[in-house]
Structure formats: C-alpha cells, structure tokens
Amino acid sequence: MSSVNQAAFVPGTTAYRFGYDSIANIPITGAPSDTNCRRWAMLHDGSAYRMYAFKGSTNNKIYQFSWNGKSYAYGHNSIPELSLTNIPADADASSFSMVHSGKLYHLYLRRLGDPTTLYQFLYVPGTTNYKYGQPPAIATLKISGFLADTDWARWMMLHDGAAFRLYAFKLGSNTQFYQGAWNGSSYAYGHASIPVLTLEGTPANSNLRSAAMLHDGSAYRLYVQTY
C-alpha cells in the first residue's frame, strides 16, 4: 500500500478521468506492517480526506489515515485504530465502504452470500468504535435493480451532500461501473444517477481489483491503489 492514483468526475460527461482536477498520484505513508491493503475505503468528512484499511486478517480492527498535505499518513489527525462492534455473525468483512453524511460517519459491510444486503455501522462519538445498528442508522439496507453482471467484489459508496450513492464495477470490465442511489427503501440502480459510468486515462500501474470513492463538497473522486 504505497500510493493511490486519483480520478475525478468530468461534469457534463459520464466519465471519471485520472488526473482530472486532481493530484494524479498520492503517497500513503506510515502504514503498519500488517495493514491489509486489499480491504480499504475512503471518505471526506467536510474537513479531511480519510483512508481506512483493515488490520491484518481481523474482521473488527481498522487503521485510519488522513491527508496531511503531502500524503495519506497513518494516524494523522485521526484515531489510529478503530473497532467494529456488535458485528452480525454473517457479515462479510472481505470488503467494506465508508461515507460521511454531513454529521455522521457510516461504515458498511455486505451480508455473506448476499451482496445485495448491507449492514450499517455508525461511529459512536467519544469512543474508538463503529457499532452495528447504532441509532439513528437503519441497521440493514437493501440494494435493488443492479444488473446481473455486477461485480460485487468491487463496490464503493459515497455521500455527495444530497444523496447516498453506491457503485460497483461491471464484471470483467476495468472501464465501466454502475451507479445507484438510496431511494428511501433501497439502493436502487439508476435512481437519480447516471446508470453507467466509465474510467478514462487509467495509469498502467493501477490495481483495479478494488477502488474507493468520495465526494469532497465540490468533486466526485475515485481512487485505485498502485502496484
């Protein structure tokens, strides 16, 4: 986990372009030796760009990084290690997503064997914990209408100030990904969204086995790690 390549949405198109309105490549520094770079997520909380990754093979410990002006630095302006609590027995911790909704920090896991069901955790203020079912979160959320060739191993979420959004790559594609948004009862494919988005200008050193996304108040951003 040495760096990430950054893309941003190009307004008026269906494309996220690497290097557009972005620092093209951003280092990651200070990561503990057991940082699990295969399980990571990002968010922007209105003041800081933040990155998270699981600790080793655990399903309940997450390391936190934030942007220090030069890199995503472990522990910078952050609680270095966070815990997940009250985890459902069938939660799938092989991947996760995170968003900040303006007031609350949210974390999501899928249900094992059912990637269209999400479990929602919220950060408990004054602690180091994200708790499943913490009020006022809806504990279990559904995803609806996504296409049969959705690659649920590569999914991302963000909140753009108005909507909670969910994305997932098209199976077998490194250039196309699908978008849905929360409609009050589910994360519905194409709801208030551009249904199919594309990546442009992907650097050759990009690891497209996973991605993370965020909205920073002005731009939609997508990140992939580098080899």
Protein backbone atom coordinates (compact mmCIF):
# COMPACT_ATOMS: atom_id res chain seq x y z
CA MET A 1 0.00 0.00 0.00
CA SER A 2 2.36 2.67 -1.30
CA SER A 3 0.17 5.14 -3.20
CA VAL A 4 -3.16 5.77 -4.90
CA ASN A 5 -3.99 7.13 -8.34
CA GLN A 6 -6.81 9.68 -8.35
CA ALA A 7 -9.57 10.33 -10.86
CA ALA A 8 -12.42 12.82 -10.77
CA PHE A 9 -15.80 13.03 -12.47
CA VAL A 10 -15.82 15.27 -15.54
CA PRO A 11 -19.04 17.35 -15.36
CA GLY A 12 -21.33 17.03 -18.35
CA THR A 13 -19.99 13.57 -19.24
CA THR A 14 -20.29 10.01 -17.96
CA ALA A 15 -16.56 9.77 -17.28
CA TYR A 16 -14.16 9.73 -14.35
CA ARG A 17 -10.76 10.78 -15.71
CA PHE A 18 -7.49 10.07 -13.96
CA GLY A 19 -5.57 13.25 -13.22
CA TYR A 20 -8.55 15.50 -13.99
CA ASP A 21 -8.81 18.29 -11.41
CA SER A 22 -6.72 16.04 -9.17
CA ILE A 23 -3.33 15.25 -7.76
CA ALA A 24 -2.62 12.33 -10.08
CA ASN A 25 -0.74 10.14 -7.60
CA ILE A 26 -0.75 10.39 -3.79
CA PRO A 27 1.64 8.52 -1.47
CA ILE A 28 0.48 6.53 1.56
CA THR A 29 2.88 6.79 4.50
CA GLY A 30 3.38 5.21 7.89
CA ALA A 31 1.14 2.20 7.30
CA PRO A 32 1.66 -0.54 9.91
CA SER A 33 3.26 -3.68 8.50
CA ASP A 34 0.02 -5.65 8.90
CA THR A 35 -2.16 -3.18 7.01
CA ASN A 36 -4.48 -5.17 4.74
CA CYS A 37 -4.42 -3.18 1.53
CA ARG A 38 -6.99 -5.46 -0.11
CA ARG A 39 -9.69 -4.20 2.29
CA TRP A 40 -9.80 -0.40 2.24
CA ALA A 41 -12.17 2.54 1.92
CA MET A 42 -12.14 6.33 1.84
CA LEU A 43 -14.34 9.30 2.75
CA HIS A 44 -14.28 13.08 3.11
CA ASP A 45 -15.85 14.44 6.28
CA GLY A 46 -16.07 18.11 5.33
CA SER A 47 -12.63 18.95 6.64
CA ALA A 48 -10.34 15.99 5.96
CA TYR A 49 -9.76 13.33 3.32
CA ARG A 50 -9.58 10.00 5.17
CA MET A 51 -8.48 6.49 4.26
CA TYR A 52 -9.13 3.25 6.16
CA ALA A 53 -7.85 -0.32 5.93
CA PHE A 54 -8.38 -3.44 7.96
CA LYS A 55 -5.70 -4.64 10.33
CA GLY A 56 -4.27 -7.91 9.04
CA SER A 57 -6.81 -10.73 8.90
CA THR A 58 -9.08 -9.26 11.59
CA ASN A 59 -12.73 -8.52 10.93
CA ASN A 60 -13.08 -5.86 13.64
CA LYS A 61 -9.96 -3.65 13.61
CA ILE A 62 -9.40 -0.81 11.14
CA TYR A 63 -6.46 1.56 10.71
CA GLN A 64 -7.12 5.23 9.88
CA PHE A 65 -5.07 7.61 7.71
CA SER A 66 -5.71 11.18 6.61
CA TRP A 67 -4.30 13.69 4.14
CA ASN A 68 -1.53 15.84 5.63
CA GLY A 69 -0.87 17.96 2.56
CA LYS A 70 1.70 15.53 1.16
CA SER A 71 0.41 12.01 1.75
CA TYR A 72 -2.25 9.87 3.34
CA ALA A 73 -0.45 9.50 6.67
CA TYR A 74 -1.31 6.83 9.22
CA GLY A 75 -2.70 8.37 12.41
CA HIS A 76 -2.53 11.95 11.16
CA ASN A 77 -5.35 13.96 12.73
CA SER A 78 -7.03 10.59 13.35
CA ILE A 79 -7.82 7.86 15.82
CA PRO A 80 -5.15 5.44 14.56
CA GLU A 81 -7.07 2.23 15.25
CA LEU A 82 -10.83 1.78 15.26
CA SER A 83 -13.00 -1.18 16.24
CA LEU A 84 -16.20 -2.65 14.83
CA THR A 85 -18.67 -3.82 17.46
CA ASN A 86 -21.92 -5.79 17.51
CA ILE A 87 -20.97 -7.36 14.16
CA PRO A 88 -23.62 -9.69 12.70
CA ALA A 89 -22.47 -13.30 12.51
CA ASP A 90 -22.95 -13.41 8.74
CA ALA A 91 -21.23 -10.11 7.94
CA ASP A 92 -18.73 -10.32 5.08
CA ALA A 93 -15.58 -8.38 6.02
CA SER A 94 -13.75 -9.15 2.77
CA SER A 95 -14.52 -5.58 1.67
CA PHE A 96 -16.21 -2.51 3.11
CA SER A 97 -17.28 1.04 2.29
CA MET A 98 -17.48 4.22 4.31
CA VAL A 99 -19.19 7.61 3.95
CA HIS A 100 -19.64 10.79 5.94
CA SER A 101 -23.17 12.14 5.63
CA GLY A 102 -22.57 15.63 7.00
CA LYS A 103 -22.88 14.75 10.68
CA LEU A 104 -22.27 11.01 10.95
CA TYR A 105 -19.54 8.56 9.95
CA HIS A 106 -21.03 5.42 8.37
CA LEU A 107 -19.41 2.04 7.65
CA TYR A 108 -20.96 -0.75 5.58
CA LEU A 109 -20.38 -4.48 5.26
CA ARG A 110 -22.21 -6.87 2.95
CA ARG A 111 -24.06 -9.96 4.09
CA LEU A 112 -22.08 -13.12 3.42
CA GLY A 113 -23.53 -14.86 0.37
CA ASP A 114 -25.92 -11.95 -0.30
CA PRO A 115 -24.08 -8.88 -1.58
CA THR A 116 -27.36 -7.01 -2.09
CA THR A 117 -27.86 -6.73 1.67
CA LEU A 118 -25.77 -4.21 3.59
CA TYR A 119 -25.13 -3.94 7.30
CA GLN A 120 -24.69 -0.36 8.52
CA PHE A 121 -22.44 0.75 11.37
CA LEU A 122 -22.08 4.26 12.80
CA TYR A 123 -19.19 5.81 14.66
CA VAL A 124 -20.04 6.22 18.35
CA PRO A 125 -18.82 9.70 19.38
CA GLY A 126 -16.30 9.79 22.20
CA THR A 127 -15.17 6.20 21.55
CA THR A 128 -12.98 4.34 19.08
CA ASN A 129 -15.93 2.22 17.92
CA TYR A 130 -18.16 1.79 14.90
CA LYS A 131 -21.26 -0.05 16.15
CA TYR A 132 -23.70 -2.04 14.03
CA GLY A 133 -27.24 -0.75 14.43
CA GLN A 134 -26.14 2.37 16.30
CA PRO A 135 -29.05 4.85 16.23
CA PRO A 136 -30.15 6.58 14.09
CA ALA A 137 -28.79 4.18 11.46
CA ILE A 138 -31.02 1.77 9.57
CA ALA A 139 -29.29 -1.45 10.57
CA THR A 140 -29.94 -3.45 7.39
CA LEU A 141 -30.24 -1.98 3.91
CA LYS A 142 -31.21 -3.49 0.56
CA ILE A 143 -29.75 -3.00 -2.92
CA SER A 144 -32.15 -3.35 -5.85
CA GLY A 145 -32.16 -3.39 -9.63
CA PHE A 146 -28.44 -3.73 -10.28
CA LEU A 147 -27.59 -5.72 -13.39
CA ALA A 148 -26.79 -9.43 -13.37
CA ASP A 149 -23.17 -8.76 -14.39
CA THR A 150 -22.45 -6.50 -11.40
CA ASP A 151 -19.09 -7.32 -9.82
CA TRP A 152 -19.95 -7.18 -6.12
CA ALA A 153 -16.31 -7.73 -5.16
CA ARG A 154 -15.61 -4.19 -6.43
CA TRP A 155 -18.13 -1.83 -4.85
CA MET A 156 -17.85 1.67 -3.41
CA MET A 157 -20.07 4.24 -1.70
CA LEU A 158 -20.15 7.98 -1.08
CA HIS A 159 -22.44 10.77 0.11
CA ASP A 160 -22.48 13.91 -2.02
CA GLY A 161 -24.34 16.21 0.35
CA ALA A 162 -27.71 15.27 -1.10
CA ALA A 163 -27.71 11.52 -1.74
CA PHE A 164 -26.14 8.30 -0.53
CA ARG A 165 -24.69 6.62 -3.63
CA LEU A 166 -23.48 3.10 -4.34
CA TYR A 167 -21.25 1.98 -7.19
CA ALA A 168 -19.99 -1.37 -8.47
CA PHE A 169 -17.90 -2.38 -11.45
CA LYS A 170 -19.26 -4.34 -14.38
CA LEU A 171 -17.99 -7.91 -14.16
CA GLY A 172 -14.92 -8.38 -16.33
CA SER A 173 -14.53 -4.67 -17.05
CA ASN A 174 -11.92 -2.22 -15.78
CA THR A 175 -13.52 0.74 -17.54
CA GLN A 176 -17.25 0.56 -16.75
CA PHE A 177 -19.06 0.75 -13.43
CA TYR A 178 -22.68 1.02 -12.34
CA GLN A 179 -24.34 3.63 -10.11
CA GLY A 180 -27.37 3.63 -7.86
CA ALA A 181 -28.66 5.81 -5.04
CA TRP A 182 -30.80 5.50 -1.92
CA ASN A 183 -34.49 5.97 -2.79
CA GLY A 184 -35.88 5.74 0.71
CA SER A 185 -36.22 1.96 0.72
CA SER A 186 -33.20 0.60 -1.13
CA TYR A 187 -30.04 1.47 -3.04
CA ALA A 188 -31.70 1.38 -6.45
CA TYR A 189 -29.77 1.06 -9.70
CA GLY A 190 -30.05 4.21 -11.80
CA HIS A 191 -32.08 6.12 -9.21
CA ALA A 192 -31.21 9.84 -9.53
CA SER A 193 -27.98 8.66 -11.15
CA ILE A 194 -26.05 8.17 -14.35
CA PRO A 195 -26.51 4.38 -14.54
CA VAL A 196 -23.24 3.52 -16.30
CA LEU A 197 -20.00 5.41 -15.76
CA THR A 198 -16.59 4.99 -17.37
CA LEU A 199 -12.95 5.37 -16.38
CA GLU A 200 -10.61 7.24 -18.70
CA GLY A 201 -6.85 7.58 -18.76
CA THR A 202 -6.17 4.81 -16.26
CA PRO A 203 -2.41 4.71 -15.47
CA ALA A 204 -0.68 1.43 -16.27
CA ASN A 205 0.35 0.91 -12.62
CA SER A 206 -3.25 0.95 -11.37
CA ASN A 207 -4.50 -2.02 -9.34
CA LEU A 208 -8.12 -2.33 -10.45
CA ARG A 209 -9.00 -5.22 -8.17
CA SER A 210 -10.58 -2.64 -5.85
CA ALA A 211 -11.40 1.06 -5.70
CA ALA A 212 -12.64 3.71 -3.28
CA MET A 213 -14.72 6.84 -3.81
CA LEU A 214 -15.68 10.04 -2.01
CA HIS A 215 -17.26 13.43 -2.57
CA ASP A 216 -15.37 16.38 -1.09
CA GLY A 217 -18.09 19.02 -1.38
CA SER A 218 -17.13 20.03 -4.89
CA ALA A 219 -15.99 16.95 -6.83
CA TYR A 220 -16.71 13.24 -7.10
CA ARG A 221 -13.43 11.35 -6.77
CA LEU A 222 -12.31 7.77 -7.40
CA TYR A 223 -9.10 6.14 -6.21
CA VAL A 224 -7.23 2.95 -7.03
CA GLN A 225 -4.08 1.66 -5.42
CA THR A 226 -0.88 1.27 -7.38
CA TYR A 227 1.22 -1.82 -7.94
